[in-house]
Amino acid sequence: MKKNDSMAAAISAVISYIKAEKRQGDTHGINRWGVSGRQFQMQTRNQMQSKSFHGWKLR
């Protein structure tokens, strides 16, 4: 019975930690991974438009 109690406590701690992280990270509904991905796409597009990639030969 003691093993089950300690396992339940560990699972409960992990779940509460995940919930706290989610509340802290998404305070205004901003998805940080999505923002980072869009920023990378915009930077790549700007480099291509400014001809930073011209002269590279893909092998």
Protein backbone atom coordinates (compact mmCIF):
# COMPACT_ATOMS: atom_id res chain seq x y z
CA MET A 1 0.00 0.00 0.00
CA LYS A 2 2.90 2.37 0.72
CA LYS A 3 4.24 1.95 -2.81
CA ASN A 4 0.87 2.89 -4.32
CA ASP A 5 0.65 5.99 -2.11
CA SER A 6 4.11 7.19 -3.11
CA MET A 7 3.36 6.53 -6.80
CA ALA A 8 0.10 8.46 -6.56
CA ALA A 9 1.91 11.36 -4.90
CA ALA A 10 4.58 11.40 -7.62
CA ILE A 11 2.00 11.34 -10.41
CA SER A 12 0.03 14.10 -8.72
CA ALA A 13 3.18 16.23 -8.40
CA VAL A 14 4.01 15.80 -12.09
CA ILE A 15 0.47 16.69 -13.17
CA SER A 16 0.40 19.80 -10.98
CA TYR A 17 3.83 20.86 -12.31
CA ILE A 18 2.64 20.48 -15.92
CA LYS A 19 -0.51 22.51 -15.15
CA ALA A 20 1.55 25.26 -13.49
CA GLU A 21 3.94 25.42 -16.46
CA LYS A 22 1.04 25.65 -18.86
CA ARG A 23 -0.57 28.45 -16.85
CA GLN A 24 2.69 30.36 -16.63
CA GLY A 25 3.66 29.92 -20.30
CA ASP A 26 0.27 30.72 -21.81
CA THR A 27 -0.74 33.70 -19.71
CA HIS A 28 -1.99 35.66 -22.72
CA GLY A 29 -2.67 32.76 -25.07
CA ILE A 30 0.66 33.14 -26.91
CA ASN A 31 2.17 30.00 -28.35
CA ARG A 32 5.93 30.53 -28.06
CA TRP A 33 6.82 27.70 -30.46
CA GLY A 34 4.47 29.09 -33.10
CA VAL A 35 5.91 32.59 -32.77
CA SER A 36 9.44 31.22 -33.03
CA GLY A 37 8.58 29.22 -36.16
CA ARG A 38 6.94 32.19 -37.86
CA GLN A 39 9.90 34.40 -36.99
CA PHE A 40 12.31 31.90 -38.55
CA GLN A 41 10.20 31.72 -41.71
CA MET A 42 10.13 35.51 -42.01
CA GLN A 43 13.91 35.76 -41.51
CA THR A 44 14.51 33.11 -44.17
CA ARG A 45 12.17 34.87 -46.60
CA ASN A 46 13.90 38.22 -45.99
CA GLN A 47 17.31 36.67 -46.63
CA MET A 48 16.09 35.14 -49.86
CA GLN A 49 14.60 38.45 -50.98
CA SER A 50 17.82 40.29 -50.20
CA LYS A 51 19.71 37.74 -52.30
CA SER A 52 21.70 36.41 -49.35
CA PHE A 53 21.29 32.90 -50.69
CA HIS A 54 22.43 33.61 -54.26
CA GLY A 55 25.75 32.03 -55.02
CA TRP A 56 25.17 29.04 -52.78
CA LYS A 57 25.35 25.77 -54.61
CA LEU A 58 23.33 22.99 -53.14
CA ARG A 59 25.14 19.71 -53.39
